[in-house]
PDB file of all heavy atoms in Angstrom:
ATOM      1  N   SER A   1      -8.128 -12.462   6.020  1.00  0.00           N
ATOM      2  CA  SER A   1      -8.412 -11.729   7.252  1.00  0.00           C
ATOM      3  C   SER A   1      -7.186 -11.032   7.804  1.00  0.00           C
ATOM      4  O   SER A   1      -7.286  -9.967   8.399  1.00  0.00           O
ATOM      5  CB  SER A   1      -8.992 -12.662   8.307  1.00  0.00           C
ATOM      6  OG  SER A   1      -8.059 -13.684   8.627  1.00  0.00           O
ATOM      7  N   GLN A   2      -5.994 -11.617   7.639  1.00  0.00           N
ATOM      8  CA  GLN A   2      -4.775 -10.958   8.099  1.00  0.00           C
ATOM      9  C   GLN A   2      -3.522 -11.534   7.438  1.00  0.00           C
ATOM     10  O   GLN A   2      -2.436 -11.491   7.993  1.00  0.00           O
ATOM     11  CB  GLN A   2      -4.652 -11.045   9.623  1.00  0.00           C
ATOM     12  CG  GLN A   2      -4.580 -12.446  10.197  1.00  0.00           C
ATOM     13  CD  GLN A   2      -4.533 -12.435  11.705  1.00  0.00           C
ATOM     14  OE1 GLN A   2      -5.524 -12.741  12.351  1.00  0.00           O
ATOM     15  NE2 GLN A   2      -3.399 -12.091  12.291  1.00  0.00           N
ATOM     16  N   GLY A   3      -3.677 -12.032   6.218  1.00  0.00           N
ATOM     17  CA  GLY A   3      -2.551 -12.664   5.542  1.00  0.00           C
ATOM     18  C   GLY A   3      -1.918 -11.833   4.450  1.00  0.00           C
ATOM     19  O   GLY A   3      -1.116 -12.344   3.666  1.00  0.00           O
ATOM     20  N   ALA A   4      -2.272 -10.553   4.376  1.00  0.00           N
ATOM     21  CA  ALA A   4      -1.754  -9.700   3.307  1.00  0.00           C
ATOM     22  C   ALA A   4      -0.601  -8.832   3.813  1.00  0.00           C
ATOM     23  O   ALA A   4      -0.387  -8.686   5.018  1.00  0.00           O
ATOM     24  CB  ALA A   4      -2.869  -8.815   2.761  1.00  0.00           C
ATOM     25  N   SER A   5       0.129  -8.246   2.878  1.00  0.00           N
ATOM     26  CA  SER A   5       1.235  -7.355   3.240  1.00  0.00           C
ATOM     27  C   SER A   5       1.389  -6.274   2.184  1.00  0.00           C
ATOM     28  O   SER A   5       1.054  -6.470   1.013  1.00  0.00           O
ATOM     29  CB  SER A   5       2.539  -8.135   3.384  1.00  0.00           C
ATOM     30  OG  SER A   5       2.934  -8.689   2.140  1.00  0.00           O
ATOM     31  N   LEU A   6       1.905  -5.118   2.616  1.00  0.00           N
ATOM     32  CA  LEU A   6       2.240  -4.013   1.725  1.00  0.00           C
ATOM     33  C   LEU A   6       3.732  -3.761   1.849  1.00  0.00           C
ATOM     34  O   LEU A   6       4.271  -3.689   2.957  1.00  0.00           O
ATOM     35  CB  LEU A   6       1.476  -2.753   2.108  1.00  0.00           C
ATOM     36  CG  LEU A   6       1.761  -1.527   1.224  1.00  0.00           C
ATOM     37  CD1 LEU A   6       0.957  -1.621  -0.069  1.00  0.00           C
ATOM     38  CD2 LEU A   6       1.443  -0.225   1.956  1.00  0.00           C
ATOM     39  N   SER A   7       4.404  -3.643   0.704  1.00  0.00           N
ATOM     40  CA  SER A   7       5.841  -3.390   0.733  1.00  0.00           C
ATOM     41  C   SER A   7       6.199  -2.201  -0.150  1.00  0.00           C
ATOM     42  O   SER A   7       5.517  -1.907  -1.141  1.00  0.00           O
ATOM     43  CB  SER A   7       6.620  -4.629   0.281  1.00  0.00           C
ATOM     44  OG  SER A   7       6.300  -4.975  -1.044  1.00  0.00           O
ATOM     45  N   VAL A   8       7.262  -1.511   0.250  1.00  0.00           N
ATOM     46  CA  VAL A   8       7.829  -0.402  -0.514  1.00  0.00           C
ATOM     47  C   VAL A   8       9.310  -0.715  -0.698  1.00  0.00           C
ATOM     48  O   VAL A   8      10.049  -0.823   0.284  1.00  0.00           O
ATOM     49  CB  VAL A   8       7.651   0.942   0.218  1.00  0.00           C
ATOM     50  CG1 VAL A   8       8.311   2.066  -0.576  1.00  0.00           C
ATOM     51  CG2 VAL A   8       6.175   1.244   0.459  1.00  0.00           C
ATOM     52  N   ARG A   9       9.747  -0.871  -1.955  1.00  0.00           N
ATOM     53  CA  ARG A   9      11.144  -1.211  -2.240  1.00  0.00           C
ATOM     54  C   ARG A   9      11.745  -0.147  -3.169  1.00  0.00           C
ATOM     55  O   ARG A   9      11.107   0.262  -4.141  1.00  0.00           O
ATOM     56  CB  ARG A   9      11.241  -2.587  -2.888  1.00  0.00           C
ATOM     57  CG  ARG A   9      12.682  -3.080  -3.097  1.00  0.00           C
ATOM     58  CD  ARG A   9      12.688  -4.344  -3.941  1.00  0.00           C
ATOM     59  NE  ARG A   9      12.018  -5.441  -3.284  1.00  0.00           N
ATOM     60  CZ  ARG A   9      12.626  -6.341  -2.498  1.00  0.00           C
ATOM     61  NH1 ARG A   9      13.936  -6.237  -2.292  1.00  0.00           N
ATOM     62  NH2 ARG A   9      11.959  -7.323  -1.961  1.00  0.00           N
ATOM     63  N   VAL A  10      12.950   0.271  -2.862  1.00  0.00           N
ATOM     64  CA  VAL A  10      13.656   1.238  -3.707  1.00  0.00           C
ATOM     65  C   VAL A  10      14.374   0.479  -4.815  1.00  0.00           C
ATOM     66  O   VAL A  10      15.220  -0.375  -4.551  1.00  0.00           O
ATOM     67  CB  VAL A  10      14.654   2.071  -2.892  1.00  0.00           C
ATOM     68  CG1 VAL A  10      15.383   3.067  -3.797  1.00  0.00           C
ATOM     69  CG2 VAL A  10      13.942   2.811  -1.758  1.00  0.00           C
ATOM     70  N   LEU A  11      14.030   0.779  -6.063  1.00  0.00           N
ATOM     71  CA  LEU A  11      14.629   0.102  -7.213  1.00  0.00           C
ATOM     72  C   LEU A  11      15.839   0.855  -7.759  1.00  0.00           C
ATOM     73  O   LEU A  11      16.785   0.248  -8.278  1.00  0.00           O
ATOM     74  CB  LEU A  11      13.592  -0.050  -8.333  1.00  0.00           C
ATOM     75  CG  LEU A  11      12.322  -0.835  -7.989  1.00  0.00           C
ATOM     76  CD1 LEU A  11      11.403  -0.882  -9.212  1.00  0.00           C
ATOM     77  CD2 LEU A  11      12.652  -2.247  -7.522  1.00  0.00           C
ATOM     78  N   ARG A  12      15.795   2.173  -7.605  1.00  0.00           N
ATOM     79  CA  ARG A  12      16.883   2.983  -8.161  1.00  0.00           C
ATOM     80  C   ARG A  12      17.054   4.245  -7.324  1.00  0.00           C
ATOM     81  O   ARG A  12      16.077   4.887  -6.941  1.00  0.00           O
ATOM     82  CB  ARG A  12      16.562   3.330  -9.619  1.00  0.00           C
ATOM     83  CG  ARG A  12      17.584   4.236 -10.317  1.00  0.00           C
ATOM     84  CD  ARG A  12      17.366   4.207 -11.841  1.00  0.00           C
ATOM     85  NE  ARG A  12      15.998   4.464 -12.213  1.00  0.00           N
ATOM     86  CZ  ARG A  12      15.507   5.682 -12.448  1.00  0.00           C
ATOM     87  NH1 ARG A  12      16.294   6.745 -12.315  1.00  0.00           N
ATOM     88  NH2 ARG A  12      14.242   5.832 -12.820  1.00  0.00           N
ATOM     89  N   GLY A  13      18.283   4.586  -7.009  1.00  0.00           N
ATOM     90  CA  GLY A  13      18.571   5.758  -6.206  1.00  0.00           C
ATOM     91  C   GLY A  13      18.374   5.479  -4.724  1.00  0.00           C
ATOM     92  O   GLY A  13      18.403   4.332  -4.265  1.00  0.00           O
ATOM     93  N   SER A  14      18.175   6.512  -3.968  1.00  0.00           N
ATOM     94  CA  SER A  14      17.903   6.383  -2.531  1.00  0.00           C
ATOM     95  C   SER A  14      16.879   7.441  -2.141  1.00  0.00           C
ATOM     96  O   SER A  14      16.732   8.468  -2.814  1.00  0.00           O
ATOM     97  CB  SER A  14      19.181   6.532  -1.712  1.00  0.00           C
ATOM     98  OG  SER A  14      19.784   7.789  -1.942  1.00  0.00           O
ATOM     99  N   ILE A  15      16.172   7.191  -1.030  1.00  0.00           N
ATOM    100  CA  ILE A  15      15.050   8.062  -0.651  1.00  0.00           C
ATOM    101  C   ILE A  15      14.984   8.251   0.859  1.00  0.00           C
ATOM    102  O   ILE A  15      15.590   7.500   1.632  1.00  0.00           O
ATOM    103  CB  ILE A  15      13.695   7.479  -1.118  1.00  0.00           C
ATOM    104  CG1 ILE A  15      13.389   6.191  -0.338  1.00  0.00           C
ATOM    105  CG2 ILE A  15      13.674   7.251  -2.618  1.00  0.00           C
ATOM    106  CD1 ILE A  15      11.955   5.697  -0.485  1.00  0.00           C
ATOM    107  N   GLN A  16      14.237   9.264   1.261  1.00  0.00           N
ATOM    108  CA  GLN A  16      13.691   9.338   2.609  1.00  0.00           C
ATOM    109  C   GLN A  16      12.185   9.139   2.488  1.00  0.00           C
ATOM    110  O   GLN A  16      11.513   9.841   1.721  1.00  0.00           O
ATOM    111  CB  GLN A  16      14.034  10.674   3.281  1.00  0.00           C
ATOM    112  CG  GLN A  16      15.491  10.738   3.683  1.00  0.00           C
ATOM    113  CD  GLN A  16      15.854  11.953   4.511  1.00  0.00           C
ATOM    114  OE1 GLN A  16      17.028  12.226   4.695  1.00  0.00           O
ATOM    115  NE2 GLN A  16      14.857  12.681   5.014  1.00  0.00           N
ATOM    116  N   LEU A  17      11.690   8.133   3.201  1.00  0.00           N
ATOM    117  CA  LEU A  17      10.272   7.780   3.146  1.00  0.00           C
ATOM    118  C   LEU A  17       9.544   8.541   4.250  1.00  0.00           C
ATOM    119  O   LEU A  17       9.679   8.229   5.430  1.00  0.00           O
ATOM    120  CB  LEU A  17      10.102   6.266   3.314  1.00  0.00           C
ATOM    121  CG  LEU A  17       8.675   5.714   3.288  1.00  0.00           C
ATOM    122  CD1 LEU A  17       7.951   6.093   2.005  1.00  0.00           C
ATOM    123  CD2 LEU A  17       8.700   4.189   3.465  1.00  0.00           C
ATOM    124  N   GLY A  18       8.782   9.551   3.850  1.00  0.00           N
ATOM    125  CA  GLY A  18       8.153  10.427   4.831  1.00  0.00           C
ATOM    126  C   GLY A  18       7.044   9.755   5.614  1.00  0.00           C
ATOM    127  O   GLY A  18       7.128   9.565   6.823  1.00  0.00           O
ATOM    128  N   THR A  19       5.987   9.407   4.932  1.00  0.00           N
ATOM    129  CA  THR A  19       4.889   8.659   5.526  1.00  0.00           C
ATOM    130  C   THR A  19       4.118   8.026   4.386  1.00  0.00           C
ATOM    131  O   THR A  19       4.366   8.316   3.207  1.00  0.00           O
ATOM    132  CB  THR A  19       3.974   9.563   6.373  1.00  0.00           C
ATOM    133  OG1 THR A  19       3.020   8.746   7.069  1.00  0.00           O
ATOM    134  CG2 THR A  19       3.218  10.567   5.515  1.00  0.00           C
ATOM    135  N   LEU A  20       3.187   7.139   4.724  1.00  0.00           N
ATOM    136  CA  LEU A  20       2.358   6.508   3.710  1.00  0.00           C
ATOM    137  C   LEU A  20       1.035   6.113   4.323  1.00  0.00           C
ATOM    138  O   LEU A  20       0.854   6.158   5.546  1.00  0.00           O
ATOM    139  CB  LEU A  20       3.053   5.315   3.069  1.00  0.00           C
ATOM    140  CG  LEU A  20       3.384   4.076   3.896  1.00  0.00           C
ATOM    141  CD1 LEU A  20       3.824   2.956   2.967  1.00  0.00           C
ATOM    142  CD2 LEU A  20       4.469   4.331   4.917  1.00  0.00           C
ATOM    143  N   SER A  21       0.090   5.735   3.475  1.00  0.00           N
ATOM    144  CA  SER A  21      -1.261   5.432   3.940  1.00  0.00           C
ATOM    145  C   SER A  21      -1.885   4.393   3.025  1.00  0.00           C
ATOM    146  O   SER A  21      -1.587   4.331   1.827  1.00  0.00           O
ATOM    147  CB  SER A  21      -2.118   6.707   3.942  1.00  0.00           C
ATOM    148  OG  SER A  21      -3.471   6.425   4.257  1.00  0.00           O
ATOM    149  N   LEU A  22      -2.742   3.562   3.603  1.00  0.00           N
ATOM    150  CA  LEU A  22      -3.532   2.593   2.841  1.00  0.00           C
ATOM    151  C   LEU A  22      -4.884   2.465   3.522  1.00  0.00           C
ATOM    152  O   LEU A  22      -4.957   2.211   4.726  1.00  0.00           O
ATOM    153  CB  LEU A  22      -2.829   1.236   2.795  1.00  0.00           C
ATOM    154  CG  LEU A  22      -3.537   0.140   1.990  1.00  0.00           C
ATOM    155  CD1 LEU A  22      -3.499   0.453   0.496  1.00  0.00           C
ATOM    156  CD2 LEU A  22      -2.909  -1.222   2.267  1.00  0.00           C
ATOM    157  N   MET A  23      -5.947   2.660   2.754  1.00  0.00           N
ATOM    158  CA  MET A  23      -7.304   2.552   3.284  1.00  0.00           C
ATOM    159  C   MET A  23      -8.180   1.752   2.333  1.00  0.00           C
ATOM    160  O   MET A  23      -7.927   1.738   1.123  1.00  0.00           O
ATOM    161  CB  MET A  23      -7.938   3.936   3.480  1.00  0.00           C
ATOM    162  CG  MET A  23      -7.409   4.745   4.631  1.00  0.00           C
ATOM    163  SD  MET A  23      -8.466   6.207   4.928  1.00  0.00           S
ATOM    164  CE  MET A  23      -7.630   6.950   6.329  1.00  0.00           C
ATOM    165  N   PRO A  24      -9.228   1.105   2.844  1.00  0.00           N
ATOM    166  CA  PRO A  24     -10.204   0.497   1.930  1.00  0.00           C
ATOM    167  C   PRO A  24     -10.929   1.586   1.161  1.00  0.00           C
ATOM    168  O   PRO A  24     -11.221   2.671   1.694  1.00  0.00           O
ATOM    169  CB  PRO A  24     -11.156  -0.260   2.880  1.00  0.00           C
ATOM    170  CG  PRO A  24     -10.971   0.382   4.209  1.00  0.00           C
ATOM    171  CD  PRO A  24      -9.559   0.858   4.254  1.00  0.00           C
ATOM    172  N   GLY A  25     -11.214   1.316  -0.090  1.00  0.00           N
ATOM    173  CA  GLY A  25     -11.804   2.328  -0.956  1.00  0.00           C
ATOM    174  C   GLY A  25     -13.209   2.733  -0.575  1.00  0.00           C
ATOM    175  O   GLY A  25     -13.692   3.771  -1.032  1.00  0.00           O
ATOM    176  N   ASP A  26     -13.886   1.952   0.255  1.00  0.00           N
ATOM    177  CA  ASP A  26     -15.241   2.304   0.658  1.00  0.00           C
ATOM    178  C   ASP A  26     -15.265   3.124   1.938  1.00  0.00           C
ATOM    179  O   ASP A  26     -16.331   3.293   2.560  1.00  0.00           O
ATOM    180  CB  ASP A  26     -16.114   1.060   0.806  1.00  0.00           C
ATOM    181  CG  ASP A  26     -15.603   0.100   1.886  1.00  0.00           C
ATOM    182  OD1 ASP A  26     -14.497   0.319   2.422  1.00  0.00           O
ATOM    183  OD2 ASP A  26     -16.318  -0.883   2.198  1.00  0.00           O
ATOM    184  N   ASN A  27     -14.106   3.628   2.378  1.00  0.00           N
ATOM    185  CA  ASN A  27     -14.086   4.460   3.587  1.00  0.00           C
ATOM    186  C   ASN A  27     -14.922   5.717   3.370  1.00  0.00           C
ATOM    187  O   ASN A  27     -15.072   6.206   2.249  1.00  0.00           O
ATOM    188  CB  ASN A  27     -12.649   4.800   3.992  1.00  0.00           C
ATOM    189  CG  ASN A  27     -12.033   5.901   3.139  1.00  0.00           C
ATOM    190  OD1 ASN A  27     -12.244   7.090   3.370  1.00  0.00           O
ATOM    191  ND2 ASN A  27     -11.274   5.488   2.125  1.00  0.00           N
ATOM    192  N   ILE A  28     -15.461   6.231   4.456  1.00  0.00           N
ATOM    193  CA  ILE A  28     -16.291   7.435   4.414  1.00  0.00           C
ATOM    194  C   ILE A  28     -15.563   8.524   5.194  1.00  0.00           C
ATOM    195  O   ILE A  28     -15.466   8.459   6.421  1.00  0.00           O
ATOM    196  CB  ILE A  28     -17.676   7.175   5.036  1.00  0.00           C
ATOM    197  CG1 ILE A  28     -18.364   5.986   4.358  1.00  0.00           C
ATOM    198  CG2 ILE A  28     -18.542   8.424   4.951  1.00  0.00           C
ATOM    199  CD1 ILE A  28     -19.632   5.540   5.055  1.00  0.00           C
TER     200      ILE A  28
END
């Protein structure tokens, strides 16, 4: 119900992280 997490980690180089999104696949 609320125990999950999403992470973004840089493995090589460096970045500017503009924006991101996550939705359930059944969205309309």
